[in-house]
N, C-alpha and C. Protein backbone atom coordinates (compact mmCIF):
# COMPACT_ATOMS: atom_id res chain seq x y z
N MET A 1 13.78 71.02 196.64
CA MET A 1 12.83 70.47 197.66
C MET A 1 13.59 70.56 199.30
N SER A 2 12.35 71.12 200.12
CA SER A 2 12.90 71.51 201.19
C SER A 2 12.46 69.89 201.82
N ASN A 3 13.03 70.02 203.11
CA ASN A 3 12.50 68.72 204.46
C ASN A 3 11.59 69.11 204.94
N THR A 4 10.91 70.12 204.94
CA THR A 4 10.05 70.23 205.83
C THR A 4 9.16 70.03 206.62
N LYS A 5 9.22 69.65 207.14
CA LYS A 5 7.70 68.44 207.45
C LYS A 5 6.24 69.32 208.13
N ILE A 6 5.33 68.77 207.54
CA ILE A 6 4.10 69.68 207.95
C ILE A 6 3.12 68.78 209.09
N ALA A 7 3.02 69.50 210.52
CA ALA A 7 2.17 68.44 211.19
C ALA A 7 0.97 68.70 210.42
N LYS A 8 0.55 67.19 211.17
CA LYS A 8 -1.04 67.15 210.63
C LYS A 8 -1.82 67.45 212.13
N ILE A 9 -2.93 68.32 211.47
CA ILE A 9 -3.82 68.64 213.15
C ILE A 9 -4.92 68.49 213.39
N THR A 10 -5.40 67.96 213.75
CA THR A 10 -6.80 66.37 213.79
C THR A 10 -7.52 67.71 214.30
N LYS A 11 -9.32 67.52 213.75
CA LYS A 11 -10.41 68.47 213.81
C LYS A 11 -10.23 68.98 215.02
N SER A 12 -10.22 67.66 216.34
CA SER A 12 -10.65 68.11 217.28
C SER A 12 -8.99 69.10 218.33
N GLU A 13 -8.36 68.62 217.48
CA GLU A 13 -7.35 70.32 217.84
C GLU A 13 -7.54 71.41 217.01
N ILE A 14 -8.04 71.44 216.35
CA ILE A 14 -8.46 72.83 215.57
C ILE A 14 -10.05 73.19 216.33
N SER A 15 -11.02 72.71 215.92
CA SER A 15 -11.68 72.67 217.58
C SER A 15 -11.44 73.40 218.57
N ALA A 16 -10.52 73.21 219.69
CA ALA A 16 -9.60 73.37 220.65
C ALA A 16 -9.19 74.68 220.83
N ASN A 17 -8.24 75.16 219.60
CA ASN A 17 -7.36 75.20 219.23
C ASN A 17 -8.74 77.58 219.31
N VAL A 18 -9.83 76.98 218.01
CA VAL A 18 -10.49 78.18 218.29
C VAL A 18 -11.38 78.45 219.11
N ALA A 19 -11.92 77.49 219.79
CA ALA A 19 -12.80 77.53 221.56
C ALA A 19 -11.76 78.55 222.26
N ALA A 20 -10.45 78.36 222.76
CA ALA A 20 -9.58 78.53 223.41
C ALA A 20 -9.61 80.33 222.43
N ALA A 21 -9.30 80.83 221.50
CA ALA A 21 -9.25 81.71 221.09
C ALA A 21 -10.41 82.67 221.49
N ASP A 22 -11.68 82.17 221.58
CA ASP A 22 -13.17 82.61 221.63
C ASP A 22 -13.27 83.17 222.91
N VAL A 23 -12.70 83.42 223.42
CA VAL A 23 -12.60 83.05 225.00
C VAL A 23 -13.34 84.50 225.55
N THR A 24 -12.76 85.82 224.76
CA THR A 24 -13.28 87.03 225.25
C THR A 24 -14.90 87.38 224.62
N PRO A 25 -15.51 87.67 225.53
CA PRO A 25 -16.89 88.44 225.31
C PRO A 25 -17.06 88.87 224.48
N LYS A 26 -18.43 88.70 223.53
CA LYS A 26 -18.55 89.45 222.33
C LYS A 26 -19.12 90.94 222.91
N SER A 27 -19.01 92.48 222.45
CA SER A 27 -19.96 93.05 222.32
C SER A 27 -20.66 93.59 221.18
N TYR A 28 -22.08 93.64 221.31
CA TYR A 28 -22.61 93.87 220.51
C TYR A 28 -22.98 95.85 220.35
N VAL A 29 -23.48 96.67 219.34
CA VAL A 29 -23.74 97.83 219.23
C VAL A 29 -24.89 97.38 218.80
N ILE A 30 -26.36 97.82 219.07
CA ILE A 30 -27.77 97.95 218.60
C ILE A 30 -28.13 98.92 219.32
N GLY A 31 -28.71 99.33 218.33
CA GLY A 31 -28.69 101.48 218.78
C GLY A 31 -27.44 101.52 219.15
N PRO A 32 -28.77 102.82 220.14
CA PRO A 32 -27.11 103.62 221.13
C PRO A 32 -26.77 102.08 221.94
N ASN A 33 -27.26 101.47 222.16
CA ASN A 33 -26.99 100.68 223.64
C ASN A 33 -25.15 99.81 222.79
N SER A 34 -24.17 99.24 223.67
CA SER A 34 -23.22 98.21 223.75
C SER A 34 -23.87 97.07 224.90
N VAL A 35 -23.85 95.71 224.03
CA VAL A 35 -24.24 94.82 225.24
C VAL A 35 -23.57 93.76 224.51
N THR A 36 -23.27 92.88 225.48
CA THR A 36 -22.95 91.59 225.39
C THR A 36 -23.77 90.43 226.21
N GLY A 37 -23.07 89.13 226.11
CA GLY A 37 -23.82 88.09 226.45
C GLY A 37 -24.80 88.09 227.88
N GLU A 38 -24.10 88.75 228.72
CA GLU A 38 -23.96 88.94 229.97
C GLU A 38 -25.22 90.30 230.69
N THR A 39 -25.78 90.84 229.49
CA THR A 39 -26.34 92.46 229.30
C THR A 39 -27.52 91.26 229.97
N LYS A 40 -29.04 92.42 230.68
CA LYS A 40 -29.78 91.87 231.50
C LYS A 40 -30.55 92.32 230.88
N LEU A 41 -31.86 91.56 230.68
CA LEU A 41 -33.00 91.90 229.84
C LEU A 41 -34.02 91.75 230.77
N LYS A 42 -34.90 92.84 230.76
CA LYS A 42 -36.49 93.13 230.97
C LYS A 42 -37.04 93.10 230.17
N TYR A 43 -38.39 92.27 229.95
CA TYR A 43 -39.52 92.34 229.23
C TYR A 43 -40.85 92.67 229.55
N VAL A 44 -41.45 93.65 228.95
CA VAL A 44 -43.39 94.17 229.33
C VAL A 44 -44.26 92.56 228.70
N PRO A 45 -45.45 92.57 228.77
CA PRO A 45 -46.16 91.36 228.45
C PRO A 45 -46.08 91.77 226.41
N ASN A 46 -46.44 90.73 226.48
CA ASN A 46 -45.60 91.16 224.69
C ASN A 46 -47.29 91.82 224.00
N PRO A 47 -46.43 92.87 223.65
CA PRO A 47 -47.08 94.01 222.86
C PRO A 47 -47.93 93.93 221.63
N LYS A 48 -47.14 92.05 221.05
CA LYS A 48 -47.40 92.18 219.25
C LYS A 48 -48.82 91.84 219.34
N ARG A 49 -49.18 92.03 217.81
CA ARG A 49 -50.49 91.44 217.33
C ARG A 49 -50.50 90.46 217.30
N LYS A 50 -51.22 89.47 218.31
CA LYS A 50 -51.18 88.00 218.25
C LYS A 50 -51.83 87.57 217.24
N ASN A 51 -51.34 86.27 217.19
CA ASN A 51 -50.47 85.14 215.85
C ASN A 51 -49.98 85.88 215.14
N SER A 52 -49.22 87.01 215.14
CA SER A 52 -48.40 87.29 214.11
C SER A 52 -47.10 86.84 214.22
N LYS A 53 -46.35 86.81 212.67
CA LYS A 53 -44.74 86.04 213.37
C LYS A 53 -43.29 86.50 214.56
N ALA A 54 -44.04 88.10 214.25
CA ALA A 54 -43.22 88.36 215.66
C ALA A 54 -43.82 88.54 216.69
N TRP A 55 -45.03 87.96 217.38
CA TRP A 55 -46.23 87.81 218.57
C TRP A 55 -45.24 86.26 218.96
N ALA A 56 -44.94 85.62 217.79
CA ALA A 56 -44.36 83.91 218.04
C ALA A 56 -43.22 84.13 218.14
N ARG A 57 -42.06 85.06 218.11
CA ARG A 57 -40.85 85.13 217.90
C ARG A 57 -41.32 85.54 219.77
N TYR A 58 -41.60 86.68 219.82
CA TYR A 58 -41.58 87.45 221.21
C TYR A 58 -42.10 86.38 222.39
N GLU A 59 -43.30 85.88 222.00
CA GLU A 59 -43.57 84.13 223.11
C GLU A 59 -42.25 83.50 222.87
N GLN A 60 -41.26 83.13 221.86
CA GLN A 60 -40.51 82.51 222.63
C GLN A 60 -39.24 83.11 222.89
N TYR A 61 -39.09 84.25 223.34
CA TYR A 61 -37.27 85.20 223.24
C TYR A 61 -37.71 85.93 225.16
N GLN A 62 -39.51 86.17 225.10
CA GLN A 62 -39.58 86.75 226.28
C GLN A 62 -39.10 86.39 227.62
N THR A 63 -38.81 85.36 227.68
CA THR A 63 -38.13 84.70 228.88
C THR A 63 -36.73 84.53 229.44
N ALA A 64 -36.17 85.27 228.40
CA ALA A 64 -34.64 85.45 228.65
C ALA A 64 -34.17 86.62 229.14
N THR A 65 -33.25 86.22 230.11
CA THR A 65 -33.44 87.21 231.04
C THR A 65 -31.27 88.11 230.97
N THR A 66 -30.73 87.27 229.58
CA THR A 66 -29.89 87.91 229.55
C THR A 66 -29.94 87.81 227.91
N PHE A 67 -28.71 89.03 227.51
CA PHE A 67 -28.94 88.79 225.84
C PHE A 67 -28.36 87.40 225.11
N ALA A 68 -27.48 86.88 226.01
CA ALA A 68 -26.82 85.27 225.75
C ALA A 68 -27.87 84.39 225.48
N GLU A 69 -29.03 84.68 226.34
CA GLU A 69 -29.84 83.61 226.42
C GLU A 69 -31.03 83.69 225.58
N TYR A 70 -31.13 85.33 224.98
CA TYR A 70 -32.07 85.80 223.72
C TYR A 70 -31.82 85.27 222.62
N GLN A 71 -30.57 85.39 222.02
CA GLN A 71 -29.64 84.97 220.95
C GLN A 71 -30.07 83.67 220.34
N GLU A 72 -29.76 82.47 222.16
CA GLU A 72 -30.18 81.34 221.63
C GLU A 72 -31.97 80.54 221.26
N LEU A 73 -33.06 82.22 222.39
CA LEU A 73 -33.84 81.58 222.24
C LEU A 73 -34.49 82.06 220.50
N ASN A 74 -33.56 82.77 220.03
CA ASN A 74 -34.00 84.04 218.90
C ASN A 74 -33.20 83.92 217.87
N GLN A 75 -33.27 82.26 217.02
CA GLN A 75 -32.16 82.11 216.23
C GLN A 75 -32.96 82.51 214.95
N ASP A 76 -33.60 83.61 215.01
CA ASP A 76 -34.30 83.32 213.91
C ASP A 76 -33.46 85.01 213.00
N LYS A 77 -33.76 84.90 211.39
CA LYS A 77 -33.05 86.27 210.71
C LYS A 77 -33.21 87.54 211.56
N GLN A 78 -34.59 87.89 212.16
CA GLN A 78 -34.68 88.91 212.67
C GLN A 78 -34.18 88.98 213.83
N SER A 79 -33.54 88.44 214.70
CA SER A 79 -33.48 88.69 215.94
C SER A 79 -32.79 89.67 216.20
N ILE A 80 -32.08 90.42 215.54
CA ILE A 80 -31.11 91.81 215.58
C ILE A 80 -32.45 92.95 215.57
N PRO A 81 -33.10 92.71 214.53
CA PRO A 81 -34.12 93.73 214.04
C PRO A 81 -34.98 93.85 214.96
N ASP A 82 -34.98 92.91 215.53
CA ASP A 82 -36.50 92.58 216.59
C ASP A 82 -35.98 93.05 217.87
N ILE A 83 -34.58 93.00 218.35
CA ILE A 83 -34.31 93.72 219.27
C ILE A 83 -34.03 94.70 219.30
N LYS A 84 -33.30 95.46 218.64
CA LYS A 84 -33.21 96.86 218.23
C LYS A 84 -35.23 97.59 218.65
N HIS A 85 -35.91 97.14 217.57
CA HIS A 85 -37.24 97.74 217.66
C HIS A 85 -37.69 97.29 218.57
N ASP A 86 -37.73 96.22 219.99
CA ASP A 86 -38.19 96.31 220.87
C ASP A 86 -37.46 97.10 221.97
N LEU A 87 -36.44 97.44 221.48
CA LEU A 87 -35.95 98.52 222.48
C LEU A 87 -36.18 99.97 222.15
N ASN A 88 -36.56 100.14 221.33
CA ASN A 88 -36.83 101.08 220.68
C ASN A 88 -38.42 101.68 220.98
N LYS A 89 -39.21 100.87 220.74
CA LYS A 89 -40.40 100.85 221.47
C LYS A 89 -40.87 100.63 223.03
N GLY A 90 -39.52 100.32 223.71
CA GLY A 90 -39.82 100.22 225.31
C GLY A 90 -40.36 98.97 225.77
N PHE A 91 -40.45 97.92 224.91
CA PHE A 91 -40.41 96.33 225.28
C PHE A 91 -39.84 95.59 225.97
N VAL A 92 -38.32 96.31 225.54
CA VAL A 92 -37.26 95.53 226.31
C VAL A 92 -37.06 96.54 226.50
N GLU A 93 -36.21 96.32 227.76
CA GLU A 93 -34.87 97.57 228.65
C GLU A 93 -33.96 96.17 229.02
N ILE A 94 -32.67 97.54 229.27
CA ILE A 94 -31.45 97.50 229.20
C ILE A 94 -31.53 97.36 231.11
N SER A 95 -31.15 96.49 231.97
CA SER A 95 -31.17 96.32 233.09
C SER A 95 -29.60 95.89 233.84
C-alpha cells in the first residue's frame, strides 16, 4: 500500500481551471465560412413565413450583431442549420 496522498479538489477549483483553459476563441465552420464569437453579422428584415417556427426564431436572433450574441439568442437545436440556411439564402451576411 502506498502512502501517496490524493488532493481533494473543490467544485469551484475545477470550475476555475476549466474557465482558465477555455479562453481561446472557438472557431466554427459554417458552410464555406469560418466564424468565431466576434464575427459580425448583418440581417435583412425577417424573410421567413409569418408565424412559422423559423419566423419566430429569426425574430429572436435578428438583433444579434455578433455570432456569440446569435448563439445566446438562438439556443434552439436548429441554431446551426438556421444560420447555414440564412447565409446561403443571403438573409444574413458576415461583415
